[in-house]
All heavy atoms as atom14 arrays in JSON, in Angstrom:
{
  "sequence": "PEFGLYTAMITAIVAAMFGSSMIMISGPTTAISAVLFTTLSDFAAP",
  "atom14_mask": [
    [1, 1, 1, 1, 1, 1, 1, 0, 0, 0, 0, 0, 0, 0],
    [1, 1, 1, 1, 1, 1, 1, 1, 1, 0, 0, 0, 0, 0],
    [1, 1, 1, 1, 1, 1, 1, 1, 1, 1, 1, 0, 0, 0],
    [1, 1, 1, 1, 0, 0, 0, 0, 0, 0, 0, 0, 0, 0],
    [1, 1, 1, 1, 1, 1, 1, 1, 0, 0, 0, 0, 0, 0],
    [1, 1, 1, 1, 1, 1, 1, 1, 1, 1, 1, 1, 0, 0],
    [1, 1, 1, 1, 1, 1, 1, 0, 0, 0, 0, 0, 0, 0],
    [1, 1, 1, 1, 1, 0, 0, 0, 0, 0, 0, 0, 0, 0],
    [1, 1, 1, 1, 1, 1, 1, 1, 0, 0, 0, 0, 0, 0],
    [1, 1, 1, 1, 1, 1, 1, 1, 0, 0, 0, 0, 0, 0],
    [1, 1, 1, 1, 1, 1, 1, 0, 0, 0, 0, 0, 0, 0],
    [1, 1, 1, 1, 1, 0, 0, 0, 0, 0, 0, 0, 0, 0],
    [1, 1, 1, 1, 1, 1, 1, 1, 0, 0, 0, 0, 0, 0],
    [1, 1, 1, 1, 1, 1, 1, 0, 0, 0, 0, 0, 0, 0],
    [1, 1, 1, 1, 1, 0, 0, 0, 0, 0, 0, 0, 0, 0],
    [1, 1, 1, 1, 1, 0, 0, 0, 0, 0, 0, 0, 0, 0],
    [1, 1, 1, 1, 1, 1, 1, 1, 0, 0, 0, 0, 0, 0],
    [1, 1, 1, 1, 1, 1, 1, 1, 1, 1, 1, 0, 0, 0],
    [1, 1, 1, 1, 0, 0, 0, 0, 0, 0, 0, 0, 0, 0],
    [1, 1, 1, 1, 1, 1, 0, 0, 0, 0, 0, 0, 0, 0],
    [1, 1, 1, 1, 1, 1, 0, 0, 0, 0, 0, 0, 0, 0],
    [1, 1, 1, 1, 1, 1, 1, 1, 0, 0, 0, 0, 0, 0],
    [1, 1, 1, 1, 1, 1, 1, 1, 0, 0, 0, 0, 0, 0],
    [1, 1, 1, 1, 1, 1, 1, 1, 0, 0, 0, 0, 0, 0],
    [1, 1, 1, 1, 1, 1, 1, 1, 0, 0, 0, 0, 0, 0],
    [1, 1, 1, 1, 1, 1, 0, 0, 0, 0, 0, 0, 0, 0],
    [1, 1, 1, 1, 0, 0, 0, 0, 0, 0, 0, 0, 0, 0],
    [1, 1, 1, 1, 1, 1, 1, 0, 0, 0, 0, 0, 0, 0],
    [1, 1, 1, 1, 1, 1, 1, 0, 0, 0, 0, 0, 0, 0],
    [1, 1, 1, 1, 1, 1, 1, 0, 0, 0, 0, 0, 0, 0],
    [1, 1, 1, 1, 1, 0, 0, 0, 0, 0, 0, 0, 0, 0],
    [1, 1, 1, 1, 1, 1, 1, 1, 0, 0, 0, 0, 0, 0],
    [1, 1, 1, 1, 1, 1, 0, 0, 0, 0, 0, 0, 0, 0],
    [1, 1, 1, 1, 1, 0, 0, 0, 0, 0, 0, 0, 0, 0],
    [1, 1, 1, 1, 1, 1, 1, 0, 0, 0, 0, 0, 0, 0],
    [1, 1, 1, 1, 1, 1, 1, 1, 0, 0, 0, 0, 0, 0],
    [1, 1, 1, 1, 1, 1, 1, 1, 1, 1, 1, 0, 0, 0],
    [1, 1, 1, 1, 1, 1, 1, 0, 0, 0, 0, 0, 0, 0],
    [1, 1, 1, 1, 1, 1, 1, 0, 0, 0, 0, 0, 0, 0],
    [1, 1, 1, 1, 1, 1, 1, 1, 0, 0, 0, 0, 0, 0],
    [1, 1, 1, 1, 1, 1, 0, 0, 0, 0, 0, 0, 0, 0],
    [1, 1, 1, 1, 1, 1, 1, 1, 0, 0, 0, 0, 0, 0],
    [1, 1, 1, 1, 1, 1, 1, 1, 1, 1, 1, 0, 0, 0],
    [1, 1, 1, 1, 1, 0, 0, 0, 0, 0, 0, 0, 0, 0],
    [1, 1, 1, 1, 1, 0, 0, 0, 0, 0, 0, 0, 0, 0],
    [1, 1, 1, 1, 1, 1, 1, 0, 0, 0, 0, 0, 0, 0]
  ],
  "atom14_positions": [
    [[12.78, -51.92, 19.63], [11.68, -50.97, 19.47], [11.7, -49.82, 20.46], [11.26, -48.71, 20.14], [10.42, -51.84, 19.66], [10.9, -53.09, 20.32], [12.29, -53.3, 19.85], [0.0, 0.0, 0.0], [0.0, 0.0, 0.0], [0.0, 0.0, 0.0], [0.0, 0.0, 0.0], [0.0, 0.0, 0.0], [0.0, 0.0, 0.0], [0.0, 0.0, 0.0]],
    [[12.23, -50.06, 21.69], [12.21, -48.99, 22.68], [13.07, -47.8, 22.26], [12.82, -46.67, 22.69], [12.66, -49.5, 24.05], [14.07, -50.02, 24.1], [14.16, -51.52, 23.82], [13.19, -52.07, 23.25], [15.18, -52.13, 24.18], [0.0, 0.0, 0.0], [0.0, 0.0, 0.0], [0.0, 0.0, 0.0], [0.0, 0.0, 0.0], [0.0, 0.0, 0.0]],
    [[14.06, -48.02, 21.39], [14.92, -46.91, 20.98], [14.15, -45.89, 20.15], [14.44, -44.69, 20.2], [16.13, -47.45, 20.2], [17.22, -47.98, 21.09], [17.09, -49.22, 21.71], [18.35, -47.24, 21.34], [18.07, -49.72, 22.54], [19.35, -47.73, 22.17], [19.21, -48.97, 22.78], [0.0, 0.0, 0.0], [0.0, 0.0, 0.0], [0.0, 0.0, 0.0]],
    [[13.18, -46.35, 19.38], [12.35, -45.42, 18.63], [11.5, -44.57, 19.54], [11.28, -43.37, 19.3], [0.0, 0.0, 0.0], [0.0, 0.0, 0.0], [0.0, 0.0, 0.0], [0.0, 0.0, 0.0], [0.0, 0.0, 0.0], [0.0, 0.0, 0.0], [0.0, 0.0, 0.0], [0.0, 0.0, 0.0], [0.0, 0.0, 0.0], [0.0, 0.0, 0.0]],
    [[11.01, -45.17, 20.62], [10.18, -44.44, 21.58], [11.02, -43.47, 22.4], [10.6, -42.35, 22.69], [9.45, -45.43, 22.49], [8.53, -46.41, 21.75], [7.93, -47.42, 22.71], [7.43, -45.68, 21.01], [0.0, 0.0, 0.0], [0.0, 0.0, 0.0], [0.0, 0.0, 0.0], [0.0, 0.0, 0.0], [0.0, 0.0, 0.0], [0.0, 0.0, 0.0]],
    [[12.22, -43.9, 22.79], [13.12, -42.99, 23.51], [13.44, -41.77, 22.65], [13.47, -40.63, 23.13], [14.42, -43.7, 23.88], [14.27, -44.86, 24.83], [15.26, -45.84, 24.93], [13.14, -45.0, 25.63], [15.14, -46.91, 25.8], [13.01, -46.07, 26.51], [14.01, -47.03, 26.58], [13.89, -48.08, 27.44], [0.0, 0.0, 0.0], [0.0, 0.0, 0.0]],
    [[13.7, -42.03, 21.36], [14.02, -40.92, 20.44], [12.84, -39.96, 20.32], [13.03, -38.74, 20.26], [14.39, -41.49, 19.05], [15.46, -42.42, 19.19], [14.8, -40.37, 18.1], [0.0, 0.0, 0.0], [0.0, 0.0, 0.0], [0.0, 0.0, 0.0], [0.0, 0.0, 0.0], [0.0, 0.0, 0.0], [0.0, 0.0, 0.0], [0.0, 0.0, 0.0]],
    [[11.62, -40.52, 20.29], [10.43, -39.67, 20.2], [10.25, -38.81, 21.44], [9.66, -37.73, 21.37], [9.2, -40.55, 19.98], [0.0, 0.0, 0.0], [0.0, 0.0, 0.0], [0.0, 0.0, 0.0], [0.0, 0.0, 0.0], [0.0, 0.0, 0.0], [0.0, 0.0, 0.0], [0.0, 0.0, 0.0], [0.0, 0.0, 0.0], [0.0, 0.0, 0.0]],
    [[10.77, -39.27, 22.57], [10.64, -38.49, 23.81], [11.73, -37.42, 23.93], [11.44, -36.22, 23.99], [10.75, -39.42, 25.03], [9.63, -40.42, 25.19], [9.94, -41.38, 26.7], [8.91, -42.81, 26.39], [0.0, 0.0, 0.0], [0.0, 0.0, 0.0], [0.0, 0.0, 0.0], [0.0, 0.0, 0.0], [0.0, 0.0, 0.0], [0.0, 0.0, 0.0]],
    [[12.98, -37.86, 23.98], [14.09, -36.95, 24.28], [14.32, -35.94, 23.16], [14.44, -34.73, 23.39], [15.38, -37.76, 24.53], [15.16, -38.76, 25.66], [16.55, -36.82, 24.82], [14.83, -38.14, 26.98], [0.0, 0.0, 0.0], [0.0, 0.0, 0.0], [0.0, 0.0, 0.0], [0.0, 0.0, 0.0], [0.0, 0.0, 0.0], [0.0, 0.0, 0.0]],
    [[14.36, -36.43, 21.92], [14.64, -35.54, 20.78], [13.58, -34.46, 20.66], [13.9, -33.3, 20.38], [14.7, -36.36, 19.48], [15.71, -37.36, 19.6], [15.02, -35.47, 18.29], [0.0, 0.0, 0.0], [0.0, 0.0, 0.0], [0.0, 0.0, 0.0], [0.0, 0.0, 0.0], [0.0, 0.0, 0.0], [0.0, 0.0, 0.0], [0.0, 0.0, 0.0]],
    [[12.32, -34.83, 20.88], [11.24, -33.86, 20.74], [11.36, -32.73, 21.76], [11.14, -31.56, 21.44], [9.89, -34.56, 20.89], [0.0, 0.0, 0.0], [0.0, 0.0, 0.0], [0.0, 0.0, 0.0], [0.0, 0.0, 0.0], [0.0, 0.0, 0.0], [0.0, 0.0, 0.0], [0.0, 0.0, 0.0], [0.0, 0.0, 0.0], [0.0, 0.0, 0.0]],
    [[11.74, -33.06, 22.99], [11.84, -32.04, 24.04], [12.99, -31.07, 23.75], [12.81, -29.85, 23.77], [12.04, -32.69, 25.41], [10.77, -33.45, 25.83], [12.38, -31.65, 26.47], [10.89, -34.2, 27.14], [0.0, 0.0, 0.0], [0.0, 0.0, 0.0], [0.0, 0.0, 0.0], [0.0, 0.0, 0.0], [0.0, 0.0, 0.0], [0.0, 0.0, 0.0]],
    [[14.17, -31.6, 23.47], [15.34, -30.74, 23.27], [15.18, -29.89, 22.01], [15.47, -28.68, 22.02], [16.62, -31.6, 23.19], [17.84, -30.71, 22.95], [16.81, -32.41, 24.47], [0.0, 0.0, 0.0], [0.0, 0.0, 0.0], [0.0, 0.0, 0.0], [0.0, 0.0, 0.0], [0.0, 0.0, 0.0], [0.0, 0.0, 0.0], [0.0, 0.0, 0.0]],
    [[14.71, -30.51, 20.92], [14.54, -29.75, 19.67], [13.48, -28.66, 19.83], [13.6, -27.58, 19.25], [14.16, -30.69, 18.53], [0.0, 0.0, 0.0], [0.0, 0.0, 0.0], [0.0, 0.0, 0.0], [0.0, 0.0, 0.0], [0.0, 0.0, 0.0], [0.0, 0.0, 0.0], [0.0, 0.0, 0.0], [0.0, 0.0, 0.0], [0.0, 0.0, 0.0]],
    [[12.44, -28.95, 20.61], [11.39, -27.94, 20.83], [11.94, -26.74, 21.6], [11.6, -25.59, 21.3], [10.23, -28.57, 21.58], [0.0, 0.0, 0.0], [0.0, 0.0, 0.0], [0.0, 0.0, 0.0], [0.0, 0.0, 0.0], [0.0, 0.0, 0.0], [0.0, 0.0, 0.0], [0.0, 0.0, 0.0], [0.0, 0.0, 0.0], [0.0, 0.0, 0.0]],
    [[12.8, -27.0, 22.58], [13.31, -25.92, 23.41], [14.4, -25.1, 22.71], [14.52, -23.9, 22.96], [13.88, -26.5, 24.71], [12.84, -27.06, 25.67], [11.75, -25.77, 26.36], [10.32, -25.95, 25.3], [0.0, 0.0, 0.0], [0.0, 0.0, 0.0], [0.0, 0.0, 0.0], [0.0, 0.0, 0.0], [0.0, 0.0, 0.0], [0.0, 0.0, 0.0]],
    [[15.16, -25.71, 21.84], [16.3, -25.01, 21.25], [16.18, -24.8, 19.74], [17.04, -24.16, 19.15], [17.6, -25.76, 21.56], [17.99, -25.71, 23.0], [17.56, -26.69, 23.89], [18.76, -24.67, 23.48], [17.91, -26.64, 25.23], [19.12, -24.61, 24.83], [18.68, -25.6, 25.71], [0.0, 0.0, 0.0], [0.0, 0.0, 0.0], [0.0, 0.0, 0.0]],
    [[15.12, -25.32, 19.13], [14.91, -25.1, 17.7], [14.21, -23.79, 17.44], [13.84, -23.05, 18.36], [0.0, 0.0, 0.0], [0.0, 0.0, 0.0], [0.0, 0.0, 0.0], [0.0, 0.0, 0.0], [0.0, 0.0, 0.0], [0.0, 0.0, 0.0], [0.0, 0.0, 0.0], [0.0, 0.0, 0.0], [0.0, 0.0, 0.0], [0.0, 0.0, 0.0]],
    [[14.01, -23.5, 16.16], [13.41, -22.22, 15.78], [11.93, -22.32, 15.44], [11.22, -21.32, 15.48], [14.16, -21.63, 14.57], [13.61, -20.42, 14.16], [0.0, 0.0, 0.0], [0.0, 0.0, 0.0], [0.0, 0.0, 0.0], [0.0, 0.0, 0.0], [0.0, 0.0, 0.0], [0.0, 0.0, 0.0], [0.0, 0.0, 0.0], [0.0, 0.0, 0.0]],
    [[11.46, -23.53, 15.11], [10.07, -23.68, 14.7], [9.13, -23.68, 15.89], [9.43, -24.24, 16.95], [9.9, -24.99, 13.91], [8.54, -25.19, 13.58], [0.0, 0.0, 0.0], [0.0, 0.0, 0.0], [0.0, 0.0, 0.0], [0.0, 0.0, 0.0], [0.0, 0.0, 0.0], [0.0, 0.0, 0.0], [0.0, 0.0, 0.0], [0.0, 0.0, 0.0]],
    [[7.98, -23.04, 15.72], [6.97, -23.0, 16.77], [6.07, -24.24, 16.76], [5.33, -24.47, 17.71], [6.1, -21.76, 16.6], [6.84, -20.45, 16.78], [7.37, -20.19, 18.5], [5.77, -19.96, 19.28], [0.0, 0.0, 0.0], [0.0, 0.0, 0.0], [0.0, 0.0, 0.0], [0.0, 0.0, 0.0], [0.0, 0.0, 0.0], [0.0, 0.0, 0.0]],
    [[6.13, -25.02, 15.72], [5.14, -26.08, 15.55], [5.74, -27.45, 15.27], [5.1, -28.47, 15.43], [4.16, -25.69, 14.41], [2.81, -26.38, 14.59], [4.76, -26.0, 13.04], [2.03, -25.84, 15.76], [0.0, 0.0, 0.0], [0.0, 0.0, 0.0], [0.0, 0.0, 0.0], [0.0, 0.0, 0.0], [0.0, 0.0, 0.0], [0.0, 0.0, 0.0]],
    [[7.01, -27.48, 14.85], [7.59, -28.75, 14.4], [7.86, -29.68, 15.58], [8.34, -29.26, 16.62], [8.88, -28.49, 13.63], [9.51, -29.75, 13.05], [10.81, -29.38, 11.85], [11.93, -28.43, 12.88], [0.0, 0.0, 0.0], [0.0, 0.0, 0.0], [0.0, 0.0, 0.0], [0.0, 0.0, 0.0], [0.0, 0.0, 0.0], [0.0, 0.0, 0.0]],
    [[7.57, -30.95, 15.37], [7.85, -32.01, 16.34], [8.96, -32.88, 15.77], [8.89, -33.34, 14.63], [6.61, -32.87, 16.62], [5.47, -32.0, 17.15], [6.95, -33.98, 17.6], [5.67, -31.48, 18.53], [0.0, 0.0, 0.0], [0.0, 0.0, 0.0], [0.0, 0.0, 0.0], [0.0, 0.0, 0.0], [0.0, 0.0, 0.0], [0.0, 0.0, 0.0]],
    [[9.99, -33.12, 16.56], [11.1, -33.95, 16.11], [11.01, -35.33, 16.71], [10.29, -35.58, 17.68], [12.43, -33.29, 16.49], [12.63, -32.09, 15.78], [0.0, 0.0, 0.0], [0.0, 0.0, 0.0], [0.0, 0.0, 0.0], [0.0, 0.0, 0.0], [0.0, 0.0, 0.0], [0.0, 0.0, 0.0], [0.0, 0.0, 0.0], [0.0, 0.0, 0.0]],
    [[11.78, -36.25, 16.13], [11.78, -37.62, 16.59], [12.36, -38.52, 15.52], [13.03, -38.06, 14.59], [0.0, 0.0, 0.0], [0.0, 0.0, 0.0], [0.0, 0.0, 0.0], [0.0, 0.0, 0.0], [0.0, 0.0, 0.0], [0.0, 0.0, 0.0], [0.0, 0.0, 0.0], [0.0, 0.0, 0.0], [0.0, 0.0, 0.0], [0.0, 0.0, 0.0]],
    [[12.1, -39.82, 15.6], [12.62, -40.75, 14.59], [11.93, -40.52, 13.25], [10.74, -40.19, 13.2], [12.29, -42.12, 15.16], [11.09, -41.88, 16.04], [11.3, -40.5, 16.62], [0.0, 0.0, 0.0], [0.0, 0.0, 0.0], [0.0, 0.0, 0.0], [0.0, 0.0, 0.0], [0.0, 0.0, 0.0], [0.0, 0.0, 0.0], [0.0, 0.0, 0.0]],
    [[12.67, -40.64, 12.16], [12.09, -40.5, 10.83], [12.5, -41.69, 9.96], [13.5, -42.36, 10.24], [12.55, -39.2, 10.13], [13.94, -39.3, 9.82], [12.31, -37.99, 11.02], [0.0, 0.0, 0.0], [0.0, 0.0, 0.0], [0.0, 0.0, 0.0], [0.0, 0.0, 0.0], [0.0, 0.0, 0.0], [0.0, 0.0, 0.0], [0.0, 0.0, 0.0]],
    [[11.74, -41.92, 8.91], [11.99, -43.07, 8.04], [13.33, -42.97, 7.35], [14.11, -43.93, 7.32], [10.87, -43.18, 7.0], [9.62, -43.03, 7.63], [10.92, -44.53, 6.31], [0.0, 0.0, 0.0], [0.0, 0.0, 0.0], [0.0, 0.0, 0.0], [0.0, 0.0, 0.0], [0.0, 0.0, 0.0], [0.0, 0.0, 0.0], [0.0, 0.0, 0.0]],
    [[13.58, -41.8, 6.74], [14.81, -41.66, 5.94], [16.05, -41.85, 6.8], [16.98, -42.58, 6.43], [14.82, -40.29, 5.26], [0.0, 0.0, 0.0], [0.0, 0.0, 0.0], [0.0, 0.0, 0.0], [0.0, 0.0, 0.0], [0.0, 0.0, 0.0], [0.0, 0.0, 0.0], [0.0, 0.0, 0.0], [0.0, 0.0, 0.0], [0.0, 0.0, 0.0]],
    [[16.08, -41.2, 7.95], [17.25, -41.31, 8.82], [17.39, -42.74, 9.34], [18.5, -43.27, 9.45], [17.16, -40.3, 9.98], [17.34, -38.88, 9.44], [18.22, -40.6, 11.04], [17.29, -37.8, 10.49], [0.0, 0.0, 0.0], [0.0, 0.0, 0.0], [0.0, 0.0, 0.0], [0.0, 0.0, 0.0], [0.0, 0.0, 0.0], [0.0, 0.0, 0.0]],
    [[16.28, -43.37, 9.67], [16.32, -44.76, 10.13], [16.94, -45.66, 9.07], [17.76, -46.54, 9.38], [14.91, -45.24, 10.48], [14.33, -44.45, 11.49], [0.0, 0.0, 0.0], [0.0, 0.0, 0.0], [0.0, 0.0, 0.0], [0.0, 0.0, 0.0], [0.0, 0.0, 0.0], [0.0, 0.0, 0.0], [0.0, 0.0, 0.0], [0.0, 0.0, 0.0]],
    [[16.56, -45.42, 7.82], [17.09, -46.24, 6.73], [18.58, -46.01, 6.52], [19.36, -46.95, 6.33], [16.33, -45.93, 5.44], [0.0, 0.0, 0.0], [0.0, 0.0, 0.0], [0.0, 0.0, 0.0], [0.0, 0.0, 0.0], [0.0, 0.0, 0.0], [0.0, 0.0, 0.0], [0.0, 0.0, 0.0], [0.0, 0.0, 0.0], [0.0, 0.0, 0.0]],
    [[19.0, -44.74, 6.56], [20.42, -44.44, 6.36], [21.25, -44.99, 7.51], [22.34, -45.52, 7.31], [20.65, -42.92, 6.24], [22.12, -42.62, 5.97], [19.82, -42.34, 5.12], [0.0, 0.0, 0.0], [0.0, 0.0, 0.0], [0.0, 0.0, 0.0], [0.0, 0.0, 0.0], [0.0, 0.0, 0.0], [0.0, 0.0, 0.0], [0.0, 0.0, 0.0]],
    [[20.73, -44.87, 8.73], [21.45, -45.4, 9.88], [21.63, -46.91, 9.74], [22.71, -47.45, 10.01], [20.7, -45.06, 11.16], [21.4, -45.43, 12.47], [21.22, -44.34, 13.52], [20.85, -46.76, 13.03], [0.0, 0.0, 0.0], [0.0, 0.0, 0.0], [0.0, 0.0, 0.0], [0.0, 0.0, 0.0], [0.0, 0.0, 0.0], [0.0, 0.0, 0.0]],
    [[20.59, -47.59, 9.3], [20.68, -49.05, 9.14], [21.72, -49.42, 8.08], [22.56, -50.29, 8.3], [19.31, -49.61, 8.74], [19.34, -51.06, 8.38], [19.46, -52.03, 9.36], [19.29, -51.47, 7.05], [19.5, -53.38, 9.02], [19.34, -52.8, 6.72], [19.44, -53.76, 7.7], [0.0, 0.0, 0.0], [0.0, 0.0, 0.0], [0.0, 0.0, 0.0]],
    [[21.68, -48.76, 6.92], [22.64, -49.09, 5.86], [24.06, -48.71, 6.25], [25.02, -49.34, 5.79], [22.26, -48.38, 4.55], [22.21, -46.97, 4.76], [20.92, -48.85, 4.05], [0.0, 0.0, 0.0], [0.0, 0.0, 0.0], [0.0, 0.0, 0.0], [0.0, 0.0, 0.0], [0.0, 0.0, 0.0], [0.0, 0.0, 0.0], [0.0, 0.0, 0.0]],
    [[24.21, -47.68, 7.08], [25.54, -47.27, 7.52], [26.15, -48.26, 8.5], [27.35, -48.56, 8.43], [25.48, -45.87, 8.18], [24.96, -44.92, 7.25], [26.86, -45.42, 8.64], [0.0, 0.0, 0.0], [0.0, 0.0, 0.0], [0.0, 0.0, 0.0], [0.0, 0.0, 0.0], [0.0, 0.0, 0.0], [0.0, 0.0, 0.0], [0.0, 0.0, 0.0]],
    [[25.33, -48.81, 9.39], [25.86, -49.64, 10.47], [25.78, -51.13, 10.23], [26.53, -51.89, 10.85], [25.1, -49.32, 11.78], [25.2, -47.88, 12.3], [24.43, -47.75, 13.6], [26.65, -47.46, 12.49], [0.0, 0.0, 0.0], [0.0, 0.0, 0.0], [0.0, 0.0, 0.0], [0.0, 0.0, 0.0], [0.0, 0.0, 0.0], [0.0, 0.0, 0.0]],
    [[24.89, -51.57, 9.34], [24.67, -53.01, 9.18], [25.9, -53.75, 8.67], [26.02, -54.96, 8.86], [23.48, -53.26, 8.26], [23.68, -52.65, 7.0], [0.0, 0.0, 0.0], [0.0, 0.0, 0.0], [0.0, 0.0, 0.0], [0.0, 0.0, 0.0], [0.0, 0.0, 0.0], [0.0, 0.0, 0.0], [0.0, 0.0, 0.0], [0.0, 0.0, 0.0]],
    [[26.82, -53.04, 7.99], [28.04, -53.69, 7.51], [29.11, -53.78, 8.6], [30.1, -54.49, 8.44], [28.62, -52.91, 6.32], [27.74, -53.01, 5.09], [26.99, -54.0, 4.98], [27.79, -52.1, 4.25], [0.0, 0.0, 0.0], [0.0, 0.0, 0.0], [0.0, 0.0, 0.0], [0.0, 0.0, 0.0], [0.0, 0.0, 0.0], [0.0, 0.0, 0.0]],
    [[28.9, -53.06, 9.72], [29.9, -53.04, 10.78], [29.53, -53.93, 11.97], [30.4, -54.32, 12.74], [30.12, -51.61, 11.28], [30.52, -50.65, 10.21], [29.98, -49.37, 10.17], [31.42, -51.01, 9.22], [30.34, -48.46, 9.19], [31.79, -50.11, 8.23], [31.24, -48.84, 8.21], [0.0, 0.0, 0.0], [0.0, 0.0, 0.0], [0.0, 0.0, 0.0]],
    [[28.24, -54.2, 12.13], [27.8, -55.0, 13.27], [26.43, -55.58, 12.97], [25.7, -55.08, 12.11], [27.76, -54.15, 14.54], [0.0, 0.0, 0.0], [0.0, 0.0, 0.0], [0.0, 0.0, 0.0], [0.0, 0.0, 0.0], [0.0, 0.0, 0.0], [0.0, 0.0, 0.0], [0.0, 0.0, 0.0], [0.0, 0.0, 0.0], [0.0, 0.0, 0.0]],
    [[26.09, -56.64, 13.68], [24.78, -57.28, 13.5], [23.7, -56.38, 14.09], [23.81, -55.95, 15.25], [24.76, -58.63, 14.18], [0.0, 0.0, 0.0], [0.0, 0.0, 0.0], [0.0, 0.0, 0.0], [0.0, 0.0, 0.0], [0.0, 0.0, 0.0], [0.0, 0.0, 0.0], [0.0, 0.0, 0.0], [0.0, 0.0, 0.0], [0.0, 0.0, 0.0]],
    [[22.65, -56.06, 13.31], [21.58, -55.19, 13.82], [21.0, -55.74, 15.13], [20.75, -56.93, 15.27], [20.54, -55.23, 12.69], [21.36, -55.5, 11.47], [22.45, -56.42, 11.9], [0.0, 0.0, 0.0], [0.0, 0.0, 0.0], [0.0, 0.0, 0.0], [0.0, 0.0, 0.0], [0.0, 0.0, 0.0], [0.0, 0.0, 0.0], [0.0, 0.0, 0.0]]
  ]
}
């Protein structure tokens, strides 16, 4: 669970400073989480 919180911290700061949107907040998302799981679950135990 801590990896989701780390992503919400670090990703949000860097994307805010170097992205183009004035309002968008970045972090973990459902779709990417699902794709990451299906991509990696066949290679190693979650």
